[in-house]
Amino acid sequence: MKKSILIVVILGMLGWAVYDFIDSNEKMDTSESSIEAEEQSSSKGKEDTVIGLNVGNIAPDFQLQTLEGDNVKLSDFRGERVMLNFWATWCPPCRAEMPDMKQFHQDKDVVILAVNLTDAEKDLQQVEDFVNEYELTFPILLDENIEVAELYMIQPIPTSFMIDSNGLIHYKAFGAMNYELMVQELEKMD
């Protein structure tokens, strides 16, 4: 009885070793293929850049109204570095990062477009009170129907996109960013 159990265990270990060897070779082949694909895509020119949400993609354009009633398009800021931030007044991490965003806007040559998820707010007065409380001077865009948040597939808030002067997404942050990270990512962009 003991011999048969020992034989089953040894056969199981041998079978697992063969399976693991084959599986690791397949993973190696897949990773080599993905590295080759990345090298090919990075060697293509900017004319091949696609509109999308990944780093290196052109950020999707949109138009929203500001708190003051002006219409703003993301493409209006082509040639400038942009921090696109999605937030809400009731979100604790959003509240935590606002002072850093305010300081970042004051200290650095960067456009901040703060897209408020207005449909998720109690009312517009809450947004106005928030802006006044934090003394924000950058544009507050109102995503009243959450269309832009859906376009950008926003899940956690805050979410930020650092967009370079060519309109390309340079960096994405899920969650609050601090001042140092904002500056660090800005300095890496054109």
N, C-alpha and C. Protein backbone atom coordinates (compact mmCIF):
# COMPACT_ATOMS: atom_id res chain seq x y z
N MET A 1 0.82 -1.19 0.00
CA MET A 1 0.00 0.00 0.00
C MET A 1 0.87 1.25 0.00
N LYS A 2 1.91 1.24 0.87
CA LYS A 2 2.78 2.40 0.95
C LYS A 2 3.52 2.63 -0.36
N LYS A 3 3.90 1.52 -1.04
CA LYS A 3 4.61 1.64 -2.31
C LYS A 3 3.72 2.27 -3.37
N SER A 4 2.45 1.91 -3.40
CA SER A 4 1.55 2.47 -4.42
C SER A 4 1.32 3.97 -4.17
N ILE A 5 1.23 4.38 -2.93
CA ILE A 5 1.07 5.81 -2.61
C ILE A 5 2.33 6.57 -3.02
N LEU A 6 3.48 5.99 -2.73
CA LEU A 6 4.74 6.61 -3.11
C LEU A 6 4.85 6.75 -4.63
N ILE A 7 4.44 5.72 -5.36
CA ILE A 7 4.48 5.77 -6.83
C ILE A 7 3.53 6.85 -7.36
N VAL A 8 2.33 6.95 -6.79
CA VAL A 8 1.37 7.98 -7.20
C VAL A 8 1.94 9.37 -6.94
N VAL A 9 2.55 9.59 -5.79
CA VAL A 9 3.15 10.88 -5.45
C VAL A 9 4.27 11.22 -6.42
N ILE A 10 5.13 10.28 -6.71
CA ILE A 10 6.26 10.51 -7.64
C ILE A 10 5.73 10.82 -9.04
N LEU A 11 4.75 10.05 -9.51
CA LEU A 11 4.15 10.30 -10.82
C LEU A 11 3.49 11.68 -10.86
N GLY A 12 2.83 12.06 -9.78
CA GLY A 12 2.21 13.39 -9.70
C GLY A 12 3.25 14.49 -9.78
N MET A 13 4.35 14.32 -9.07
CA MET A 13 5.42 15.32 -9.10
C MET A 13 6.06 15.40 -10.47
N LEU A 14 6.26 14.26 -11.10
CA LEU A 14 6.84 14.23 -12.44
C LEU A 14 5.89 14.90 -13.44
N GLY A 15 4.61 14.58 -13.33
CA GLY A 15 3.61 15.21 -14.21
C GLY A 15 3.59 16.72 -14.01
N TRP A 16 3.64 17.18 -12.76
CA TRP A 16 3.65 18.62 -12.47
C TRP A 16 4.89 19.29 -13.06
N ALA A 17 6.05 18.63 -12.95
CA ALA A 17 7.29 19.18 -13.48
C ALA A 17 7.20 19.34 -14.99
N VAL A 18 6.66 18.35 -15.67
CA VAL A 18 6.50 18.43 -17.13
C VAL A 18 5.54 19.56 -17.49
N TYR A 19 4.40 19.64 -16.80
CA TYR A 19 3.42 20.69 -17.05
C TYR A 19 4.03 22.08 -16.83
N ASP A 20 4.74 22.24 -15.72
CA ASP A 20 5.36 23.53 -15.40
C ASP A 20 6.40 23.92 -16.44
N PHE A 21 7.18 22.95 -16.91
CA PHE A 21 8.20 23.22 -17.94
C PHE A 21 7.54 23.69 -19.23
N ILE A 22 6.51 23.01 -19.67
CA ILE A 22 5.80 23.38 -20.90
C ILE A 22 5.14 24.74 -20.74
N ASP A 23 4.49 24.97 -19.61
CA ASP A 23 3.80 26.24 -19.36
C ASP A 23 4.78 27.40 -19.33
N SER A 24 5.94 27.23 -18.71
CA SER A 24 6.92 28.32 -18.65
C SER A 24 7.49 28.63 -20.03
N ASN A 25 7.65 27.63 -20.89
CA ASN A 25 8.11 27.87 -22.26
C ASN A 25 7.07 28.66 -23.05
N GLU A 26 5.78 28.33 -22.86
CA GLU A 26 4.73 29.07 -23.55
C GLU A 26 4.70 30.52 -23.08
N LYS A 27 4.86 30.75 -21.78
CA LYS A 27 4.88 32.12 -21.25
C LYS A 27 6.07 32.89 -21.79
N MET A 28 7.21 32.22 -21.91
CA MET A 28 8.41 32.87 -22.44
C MET A 28 8.17 33.29 -23.88
N ASP A 29 7.57 32.40 -24.70
CA ASP A 29 7.27 32.71 -26.09
C ASP A 29 6.31 33.89 -26.18
N THR A 30 5.29 33.91 -25.31
CA THR A 30 4.32 34.99 -25.31
C THR A 30 4.97 36.31 -24.92
N SER A 31 5.83 36.30 -23.89
CA SER A 31 6.46 37.55 -23.47
C SER A 31 7.43 38.06 -24.53
N GLU A 32 8.13 37.14 -25.23
CA GLU A 32 9.01 37.58 -26.31
C GLU A 32 8.21 38.20 -27.43
N SER A 33 7.03 37.63 -27.73
CA SER A 33 6.17 38.20 -28.77
C SER A 33 5.67 39.58 -28.38
N SER A 34 5.31 39.75 -27.09
CA SER A 34 4.81 41.05 -26.66
C SER A 34 5.93 42.09 -26.66
N ILE A 35 7.16 41.68 -26.34
CA ILE A 35 8.29 42.61 -26.40
C ILE A 35 8.53 43.04 -27.84
N GLU A 36 8.48 42.08 -28.77
CA GLU A 36 8.64 42.43 -30.18
C GLU A 36 7.54 43.38 -30.64
N ALA A 37 6.30 43.12 -30.21
CA ALA A 37 5.18 43.99 -30.60
C ALA A 37 5.38 45.40 -30.04
N GLU A 38 5.85 45.51 -28.79
CA GLU A 38 6.10 46.82 -28.20
C GLU A 38 7.19 47.55 -28.96
N GLU A 39 8.25 46.83 -29.33
CA GLU A 39 9.34 47.47 -30.07
C GLU A 39 8.85 47.96 -31.42
N GLN A 40 8.01 47.18 -32.09
CA GLN A 40 7.47 47.59 -33.38
C GLN A 40 6.58 48.81 -33.22
N SER A 41 5.72 48.82 -32.19
CA SER A 41 4.81 49.95 -32.02
C SER A 41 5.57 51.20 -31.61
N SER A 42 6.64 51.07 -30.82
CA SER A 42 7.39 52.26 -30.42
C SER A 42 8.22 52.82 -31.56
N SER A 43 8.51 52.00 -32.57
CA SER A 43 9.29 52.48 -33.70
C SER A 43 8.42 53.19 -34.73
N LYS A 44 7.11 53.09 -34.61
CA LYS A 44 6.22 53.78 -35.54
C LYS A 44 6.21 55.26 -35.22
N GLY A 45 5.90 56.07 -36.20
CA GLY A 45 5.86 57.52 -36.03
C GLY A 45 4.60 57.97 -35.32
N LYS A 46 4.53 59.26 -35.03
CA LYS A 46 3.38 59.81 -34.34
C LYS A 46 2.11 59.72 -35.17
N GLU A 47 2.27 59.62 -36.51
CA GLU A 47 1.09 59.52 -37.36
C GLU A 47 0.32 58.23 -37.07
N ASP A 48 0.97 57.26 -36.45
CA ASP A 48 0.31 56.00 -36.12
C ASP A 48 -0.27 56.02 -34.71
N THR A 49 -0.11 57.11 -33.99
CA THR A 49 -0.62 57.20 -32.62
C THR A 49 -2.15 57.20 -32.67
N VAL A 50 -2.75 56.44 -31.77
CA VAL A 50 -4.20 56.32 -31.75
C VAL A 50 -4.78 57.10 -30.59
N ILE A 51 -6.05 57.44 -30.73
CA ILE A 51 -6.78 58.06 -29.64
C ILE A 51 -7.17 56.96 -28.67
N GLY A 52 -6.85 57.13 -27.42
CA GLY A 52 -7.16 56.10 -26.43
C GLY A 52 -6.80 56.55 -25.04
N LEU A 53 -6.84 55.62 -24.11
CA LEU A 53 -6.63 55.94 -22.70
C LEU A 53 -5.33 55.39 -22.14
N ASN A 54 -4.52 54.77 -22.99
CA ASN A 54 -3.25 54.23 -22.52
C ASN A 54 -2.16 55.27 -22.64
N VAL A 55 -1.11 55.11 -21.85
CA VAL A 55 0.04 55.99 -21.95
C VAL A 55 0.57 55.89 -23.38
N GLY A 56 0.81 57.04 -24.00
CA GLY A 56 1.28 57.10 -25.38
C GLY A 56 0.17 57.35 -26.38
N ASN A 57 -1.10 57.19 -25.96
CA ASN A 57 -2.23 57.49 -26.84
C ASN A 57 -2.55 58.97 -26.80
N ILE A 58 -3.22 59.43 -27.86
CA ILE A 58 -3.75 60.79 -27.85
C ILE A 58 -4.97 60.80 -26.94
N ALA A 59 -5.02 61.73 -26.02
CA ALA A 59 -6.14 61.81 -25.08
C ALA A 59 -7.42 62.16 -25.85
N PRO A 60 -8.52 61.46 -25.61
CA PRO A 60 -9.77 61.76 -26.31
C PRO A 60 -10.22 63.20 -26.04
N ASP A 61 -10.63 63.87 -27.09
CA ASP A 61 -11.09 65.26 -26.96
C ASP A 61 -12.51 65.28 -26.41
N PHE A 62 -12.85 66.35 -25.76
CA PHE A 62 -14.20 66.54 -25.23
C PHE A 62 -14.44 68.03 -25.05
N GLN A 63 -15.68 68.39 -24.84
CA GLN A 63 -16.04 69.77 -24.53
C GLN A 63 -17.00 69.77 -23.36
N LEU A 64 -16.70 70.62 -22.37
CA LEU A 64 -17.56 70.78 -21.20
C LEU A 64 -17.67 72.26 -20.87
N GLN A 65 -18.66 72.57 -20.08
CA GLN A 65 -18.84 73.93 -19.60
C GLN A 65 -18.15 74.09 -18.25
N THR A 66 -17.57 75.28 -18.04
CA THR A 66 -16.94 75.57 -16.75
C THR A 66 -18.00 76.02 -15.76
N LEU A 67 -17.60 76.14 -14.53
CA LEU A 67 -18.48 76.64 -13.48
C LEU A 67 -18.97 78.04 -13.80
N GLU A 68 -18.14 78.80 -14.55
CA GLU A 68 -18.51 80.17 -14.94
C GLU A 68 -19.37 80.21 -16.21
N GLY A 69 -19.57 79.06 -16.86
CA GLY A 69 -20.43 79.01 -18.04
C GLY A 69 -19.69 79.05 -19.37
N ASP A 70 -18.35 79.05 -19.36
CA ASP A 70 -17.58 79.04 -20.60
C ASP A 70 -17.45 77.60 -21.11
N ASN A 71 -17.42 77.45 -22.45
CA ASN A 71 -17.18 76.14 -23.05
C ASN A 71 -15.68 75.93 -23.23
N VAL A 72 -15.21 74.77 -22.80
CA VAL A 72 -13.78 74.45 -22.87
C VAL A 72 -13.63 73.09 -23.54
N LYS A 73 -12.68 73.02 -24.49
CA LYS A 73 -12.34 71.75 -25.14
C LYS A 73 -10.91 71.39 -24.73
N LEU A 74 -10.67 70.11 -24.54
CA LEU A 74 -9.32 69.67 -24.22
C LEU A 74 -8.36 70.10 -25.33
N SER A 75 -8.78 69.97 -26.58
CA SER A 75 -7.91 70.31 -27.71
C SER A 75 -7.55 71.79 -27.76
N ASP A 76 -8.27 72.65 -27.05
CA ASP A 76 -7.93 74.07 -26.96
C ASP A 76 -6.55 74.27 -26.33
N PHE A 77 -6.08 73.27 -25.60
CA PHE A 77 -4.83 73.40 -24.86
C PHE A 77 -3.67 72.64 -25.51
N ARG A 78 -3.82 72.26 -26.78
CA ARG A 78 -2.74 71.62 -27.52
C ARG A 78 -1.56 72.59 -27.54
N GLY A 79 -0.39 72.10 -27.28
CA GLY A 79 0.80 72.95 -27.17
C GLY A 79 1.14 73.27 -25.73
N GLU A 80 0.26 72.91 -24.81
CA GLU A 80 0.50 73.13 -23.38
C GLU A 80 0.41 71.79 -22.65
N ARG A 81 1.08 71.71 -21.52
CA ARG A 81 1.01 70.51 -20.68
C ARG A 81 -0.24 70.63 -19.81
N VAL A 82 -0.97 69.52 -19.72
CA VAL A 82 -2.28 69.53 -19.04
C VAL A 82 -2.34 68.42 -18.00
N MET A 83 -2.89 68.77 -16.86
CA MET A 83 -3.27 67.76 -15.86
C MET A 83 -4.80 67.71 -15.90
N LEU A 84 -5.33 66.58 -16.33
CA LEU A 84 -6.77 66.36 -16.39
C LEU A 84 -7.15 65.52 -15.18
N ASN A 85 -7.99 66.08 -14.32
CA ASN A 85 -8.32 65.45 -13.04
C ASN A 85 -9.83 65.27 -12.92
N PHE A 86 -10.27 64.08 -12.53
CA PHE A 86 -11.69 63.79 -12.31
C PHE A 86 -11.92 63.67 -10.81
N TRP A 87 -12.94 64.39 -10.30
CA TRP A 87 -13.13 64.47 -8.85
C TRP A 87 -14.59 64.75 -8.50
N ALA A 88 -14.89 64.68 -7.20
CA ALA A 88 -16.20 65.05 -6.65
C ALA A 88 -15.99 65.64 -5.25
N THR A 89 -16.92 66.47 -4.83
CA THR A 89 -16.78 67.15 -3.53
C THR A 89 -16.86 66.20 -2.35
N TRP A 90 -17.59 65.10 -2.47
CA TRP A 90 -17.81 64.16 -1.38
C TRP A 90 -16.68 63.14 -1.23
N CYS A 91 -15.70 63.20 -2.11
CA CYS A 91 -14.63 62.21 -2.16
C CYS A 91 -13.45 62.65 -1.27
N PRO A 92 -13.18 61.93 -0.16
CA PRO A 92 -12.08 62.33 0.74
C PRO A 92 -10.70 62.42 0.06
N PRO A 93 -10.30 61.47 -0.80
CA PRO A 93 -9.00 61.62 -1.45
C PRO A 93 -8.96 62.84 -2.40
N CYS A 94 -10.11 63.17 -3.00
CA CYS A 94 -10.17 64.35 -3.86
C CYS A 94 -9.91 65.60 -3.02
N ARG A 95 -10.53 65.65 -1.87
CA ARG A 95 -10.33 66.79 -0.96
C ARG A 95 -8.87 66.86 -0.52
N ALA A 96 -8.26 65.71 -0.28
CA ALA A 96 -6.87 65.67 0.18
C ALA A 96 -5.90 66.19 -0.87
N GLU A 97 -6.17 65.93 -2.15
CA GLU A 97 -5.22 66.34 -3.18
C GLU A 97 -5.43 67.77 -3.69
N MET A 98 -6.57 68.38 -3.40
CA MET A 98 -6.86 69.72 -3.93
C MET A 98 -5.84 70.79 -3.50
N PRO A 99 -5.40 70.83 -2.25
CA PRO A 99 -4.38 71.82 -1.90
C PRO A 99 -3.08 71.64 -2.70
N ASP A 100 -2.70 70.38 -2.95
CA ASP A 100 -1.50 70.13 -3.76
C ASP A 100 -1.72 70.56 -5.20
N MET A 101 -2.92 70.31 -5.74
CA MET A 101 -3.21 70.74 -7.11
C MET A 101 -3.19 72.26 -7.21
N LYS A 102 -3.73 72.91 -6.20
CA LYS A 102 -3.73 74.38 -6.18
C LYS A 102 -2.29 74.90 -6.19
N GLN A 103 -1.44 74.34 -5.34
CA GLN A 103 -0.04 74.75 -5.27
C GLN A 103 0.68 74.44 -6.59
N PHE A 104 0.42 73.30 -7.15
CA PHE A 104 1.01 72.87 -8.42
C PHE A 104 0.65 73.86 -9.53
N HIS A 105 -0.61 74.26 -9.57
CA HIS A 105 -1.08 75.22 -10.57
C HIS A 105 -0.40 76.58 -10.40
N GLN A 106 -0.19 76.98 -9.17
CA GLN A 106 0.44 78.28 -8.90
C GLN A 106 1.94 78.27 -9.20
N ASP A 107 2.60 77.15 -8.93
CA ASP A 107 4.06 77.08 -9.05
C ASP A 107 4.58 76.73 -10.43
N LYS A 108 3.80 75.98 -11.21
CA LYS A 108 4.32 75.39 -12.44
C LYS A 108 3.55 75.86 -13.66
N ASP A 109 4.21 75.73 -14.82
CA ASP A 109 3.61 76.08 -16.09
C ASP A 109 2.79 74.88 -16.57
N VAL A 110 1.58 74.76 -16.05
CA VAL A 110 0.72 73.62 -16.37
C VAL A 110 -0.74 74.08 -16.34
N VAL A 111 -1.53 73.53 -17.25
CA VAL A 111 -2.97 73.77 -17.26
C VAL A 111 -3.60 72.65 -16.44
N ILE A 112 -4.46 73.01 -15.52
CA ILE A 112 -5.21 71.99 -14.78
C ILE A 112 -6.67 72.12 -15.20
N LEU A 113 -7.22 71.01 -15.66
CA LEU A 113 -8.64 70.92 -15.97
C LEU A 113 -9.24 69.93 -14.97
N ALA A 114 -9.99 70.45 -14.02
CA ALA A 114 -10.58 69.64 -12.96
C ALA A 114 -12.03 69.34 -13.34
N VAL A 115 -12.28 68.10 -13.75
CA VAL A 115 -13.61 67.69 -14.20
C VAL A 115 -14.40 67.17 -13.00
N ASN A 116 -15.41 67.93 -12.63
CA ASN A 116 -16.27 67.52 -11.52
C ASN A 116 -17.36 66.58 -12.04
N LEU A 117 -17.55 65.47 -11.33
CA LEU A 117 -18.61 64.53 -11.69
C LEU A 117 -19.93 65.06 -11.12
N THR A 118 -20.45 66.07 -11.80
CA THR A 118 -21.56 66.88 -11.31
C THR A 118 -22.81 66.06 -11.07
N ASP A 119 -23.05 65.04 -11.87
CA ASP A 119 -24.23 64.20 -11.70
C ASP A 119 -24.21 63.47 -10.35
N ALA A 120 -23.01 63.28 -9.80
CA ALA A 120 -22.86 62.58 -8.52
C ALA A 120 -22.94 63.53 -7.32
N GLU A 121 -23.10 64.81 -7.59
CA GLU A 121 -23.17 65.81 -6.52
C GLU A 121 -24.62 66.03 -6.08
N LYS A 122 -24.78 66.53 -4.86
CA LYS A 122 -26.12 66.85 -4.35
C LYS A 122 -26.72 67.98 -5.17
N ASP A 123 -25.94 69.04 -5.37
CA ASP A 123 -26.36 70.15 -6.22
C ASP A 123 -25.13 70.96 -6.62
N LEU A 124 -25.32 71.91 -7.53
CA LEU A 124 -24.22 72.73 -8.03
C LEU A 124 -23.64 73.64 -6.95
N GLN A 125 -24.45 74.01 -5.98
CA GLN A 125 -23.97 74.86 -4.89
C GLN A 125 -22.84 74.19 -4.11
N GLN A 126 -22.92 72.87 -3.96
CA GLN A 126 -21.86 72.13 -3.28
C GLN A 126 -20.53 72.31 -3.99
N VAL A 127 -20.57 72.28 -5.32
CA VAL A 127 -19.35 72.45 -6.12
C VAL A 127 -18.81 73.87 -5.93
N GLU A 128 -19.69 74.85 -6.01
CA GLU A 128 -19.28 76.25 -5.83
C GLU A 128 -18.69 76.47 -4.44
N ASP A 129 -19.32 75.91 -3.41
CA ASP A 129 -18.81 76.04 -2.05
C ASP A 129 -17.42 75.40 -1.91
N PHE A 130 -17.25 74.26 -2.52
CA PHE A 130 -15.96 73.56 -2.50
C PHE A 130 -14.87 74.42 -3.14
N VAL A 131 -15.15 74.96 -4.30
CA VAL A 131 -14.19 75.81 -5.02
C VAL A 131 -13.83 77.03 -4.18
N ASN A 132 -14.82 77.63 -3.55
CA ASN A 132 -14.56 78.80 -2.70
C ASN A 132 -13.77 78.41 -1.45
N GLU A 133 -14.11 77.29 -0.84
CA GLU A 133 -13.42 76.82 0.36
C GLU A 133 -11.93 76.61 0.10
N TYR A 134 -11.59 76.01 -1.05
CA TYR A 134 -10.20 75.71 -1.38
C TYR A 134 -9.53 76.82 -2.19
N GLU A 135 -10.29 77.86 -2.51
CA GLU A 135 -9.79 79.01 -3.27
C GLU A 135 -9.11 78.56 -4.57
N LEU A 136 -9.82 77.72 -5.33
CA LEU A 136 -9.27 77.16 -6.56
C LEU A 136 -9.36 78.19 -7.69
N THR A 137 -8.28 78.31 -8.46
CA THR A 137 -8.24 79.28 -9.55
C THR A 137 -8.16 78.62 -10.93
N PHE A 138 -8.00 77.31 -10.98
CA PHE A 138 -7.97 76.63 -12.27
C PHE A 138 -9.40 76.28 -12.69
N PRO A 139 -9.60 76.02 -14.00
CA PRO A 139 -10.96 75.76 -14.50
C PRO A 139 -11.59 74.51 -13.88
N ILE A 140 -12.82 74.67 -13.43
CA ILE A 140 -13.62 73.56 -12.94
C ILE A 140 -14.65 73.25 -14.02
N LEU A 141 -14.51 72.07 -14.62
CA LEU A 141 -15.41 71.66 -15.70
C LEU A 141 -16.52 70.79 -15.11
N LEU A 142 -17.72 70.98 -15.61
CA LEU A 142 -18.88 70.28 -15.07
C LEU A 142 -19.31 69.15 -16.00
N ASP A 143 -19.11 67.94 -15.57
CA ASP A 143 -19.52 66.76 -16.33
C ASP A 143 -20.91 66.36 -15.81
N GLU A 144 -21.91 67.12 -16.25
CA GLU A 144 -23.25 66.99 -15.69
C GLU A 144 -23.92 65.65 -15.98
N ASN A 145 -23.57 65.03 -17.10
CA ASN A 145 -24.18 63.74 -17.46
C ASN A 145 -23.17 62.59 -17.38
N ILE A 146 -22.02 62.85 -16.79
CA ILE A 146 -20.96 61.85 -16.61
C ILE A 146 -20.49 61.28 -17.96
N GLU A 147 -20.70 62.03 -19.05
CA GLU A 147 -20.30 61.55 -20.38
C GLU A 147 -18.78 61.48 -20.53
N VAL A 148 -18.08 62.50 -20.04
CA VAL A 148 -16.63 62.51 -20.18
C VAL A 148 -16.01 61.47 -19.24
N ALA A 149 -16.58 61.32 -18.06
CA ALA A 149 -16.10 60.28 -17.13
C ALA A 149 -16.26 58.90 -17.77
N GLU A 150 -17.35 58.69 -18.48
CA GLU A 150 -17.55 57.41 -19.18
C GLU A 150 -16.58 57.27 -20.34
N LEU A 151 -16.35 58.36 -21.08
CA LEU A 151 -15.40 58.35 -22.19
C LEU A 151 -14.01 57.95 -21.69
N TYR A 152 -13.63 58.46 -20.52
CA TYR A 152 -12.32 58.16 -19.94
C TYR A 152 -12.35 56.94 -19.02
N MET A 153 -13.49 56.26 -18.95
CA MET A 153 -13.65 55.04 -18.15
C MET A 153 -13.17 55.24 -16.71
N ILE A 154 -13.62 56.32 -16.10
CA ILE A 154 -13.21 56.63 -14.74
C ILE A 154 -13.89 55.67 -13.77
N GLN A 155 -13.08 55.00 -12.97
CA GLN A 155 -13.58 54.10 -11.94
C GLN A 155 -13.34 54.71 -10.57
N PRO A 156 -12.10 54.71 -10.10
CA PRO A 156 -11.92 55.37 -8.80
C PRO A 156 -11.76 56.86 -9.04
N ILE A 157 -12.17 57.63 -8.09
CA ILE A 157 -11.85 59.06 -8.13
C ILE A 157 -11.08 59.37 -6.86
N PRO A 158 -10.15 60.27 -6.94
CA PRO A 158 -9.76 60.99 -8.15
C PRO A 158 -8.95 60.11 -9.10
N THR A 159 -9.04 60.45 -10.37
CA THR A 159 -8.18 59.88 -11.40
C THR A 159 -7.62 61.06 -12.18
N SER A 160 -6.32 61.01 -12.47
CA SER A 160 -5.67 62.09 -13.20
C SER A 160 -4.91 61.55 -14.40
N PHE A 161 -4.89 62.36 -15.45
CA PHE A 161 -4.10 62.08 -16.65
C PHE A 161 -3.16 63.26 -16.84
N MET A 162 -1.88 62.97 -17.00
CA MET A 162 -0.90 63.99 -17.34
C MET A 162 -0.72 63.90 -18.85
N ILE A 163 -1.03 65.00 -19.54
CA ILE A 163 -1.06 65.04 -21.00
C ILE A 163 -0.01 66.02 -21.48
N ASP A 164 0.86 65.56 -22.38
CA ASP A 164 1.95 66.43 -22.84
C ASP A 164 1.47 67.44 -23.88
N SER A 165 2.37 68.29 -24.34
CA SER A 165 2.01 69.38 -25.25
C SER A 165 1.55 68.88 -26.62
N ASN A 166 1.81 67.62 -26.94
CA ASN A 166 1.34 67.03 -28.19
C ASN A 166 -0.02 66.35 -28.03
N GLY A 167 -0.58 66.40 -26.84
CA GLY A 167 -1.87 65.78 -26.59
C GLY A 167 -1.79 64.31 -26.23
N LEU A 168 -0.57 63.83 -25.97
CA LEU A 168 -0.37 62.42 -25.65
C LEU A 168 -0.43 62.19 -24.14
N ILE A 169 -1.07 61.12 -23.74
CA ILE A 169 -1.13 60.76 -22.33
C ILE A 169 0.27 60.30 -21.91
N HIS A 170 0.81 60.99 -20.93
CA HIS A 170 2.15 60.67 -20.43
C HIS A 170 2.09 59.80 -19.17
N TYR A 171 1.04 60.02 -18.36
CA TYR A 171 0.97 59.35 -17.06
C TYR A 171 -0.49 59.30 -16.62
N LYS A 172 -0.88 58.20 -15.96
CA LYS A 172 -2.21 58.07 -15.37
C LYS A 172 -2.06 57.76 -13.89
N ALA A 173 -2.88 58.40 -13.09
CA ALA A 173 -2.86 58.13 -11.65
C ALA A 173 -4.28 57.78 -11.20
N PHE A 174 -4.41 56.63 -10.56
CA PHE A 174 -5.68 56.22 -9.97
C PHE A 174 -5.56 56.47 -8.47
N GLY A 175 -6.26 57.47 -8.00
CA GLY A 175 -6.14 57.88 -6.61
C GLY A 175 -5.46 59.24 -6.53
N ALA A 176 -5.37 59.75 -5.34
CA ALA A 176 -4.82 61.09 -5.13
C ALA A 176 -3.33 61.15 -5.45
N MET A 177 -2.93 62.26 -6.05
CA MET A 177 -1.51 62.53 -6.30
C MET A 177 -1.05 63.59 -5.31
N ASN A 178 0.20 63.52 -4.90
CA ASN A 178 0.74 64.59 -4.06
C ASN A 178 1.55 65.55 -4.93
N TYR A 179 1.92 66.67 -4.36
CA TYR A 179 2.62 67.72 -5.09
C TYR A 179 3.90 67.20 -5.74
N GLU A 180 4.68 66.44 -5.01
CA GLU A 180 5.96 65.95 -5.52
C GLU A 180 5.77 65.06 -6.74
N LEU A 181 4.78 64.20 -6.72
CA LEU A 181 4.52 63.33 -7.86
C LEU A 181 4.04 64.15 -9.06
N MET A 182 3.22 65.15 -8.82
CA MET A 182 2.75 66.02 -9.91
C MET A 182 3.94 66.68 -10.59
N VAL A 183 4.84 67.24 -9.80
CA VAL A 183 6.02 67.91 -10.34
C VAL A 183 6.92 66.92 -11.07
N GLN A 184 7.12 65.77 -10.48
CA GLN A 184 7.98 64.74 -11.08
C GLN A 184 7.48 64.34 -12.46
N GLU A 185 6.18 64.10 -12.59
CA GLU A 185 5.61 63.68 -13.88
C GLU A 185 5.59 64.84 -14.87
N LEU A 186 5.38 66.05 -14.40
CA LEU A 186 5.39 67.21 -15.29
C LEU A 186 6.76 67.41 -15.91
N GLU A 187 7.80 67.23 -15.12
CA GLU A 187 9.16 67.44 -15.60
C GLU A 187 9.58 66.40 -16.64
N LYS A 188 8.89 65.27 -16.71
CA LYS A 188 9.19 64.24 -17.71
C LYS A 188 8.52 64.52 -19.05
N MET A 189 7.62 65.49 -19.10
CA MET A 189 6.82 65.74 -20.31
C MET A 189 7.39 66.87 -21.15
N ASP A 190 6.99 66.83 -22.45
CA ASP A 190 7.32 67.94 -23.37
C ASP A 190 6.44 69.12 -23.08
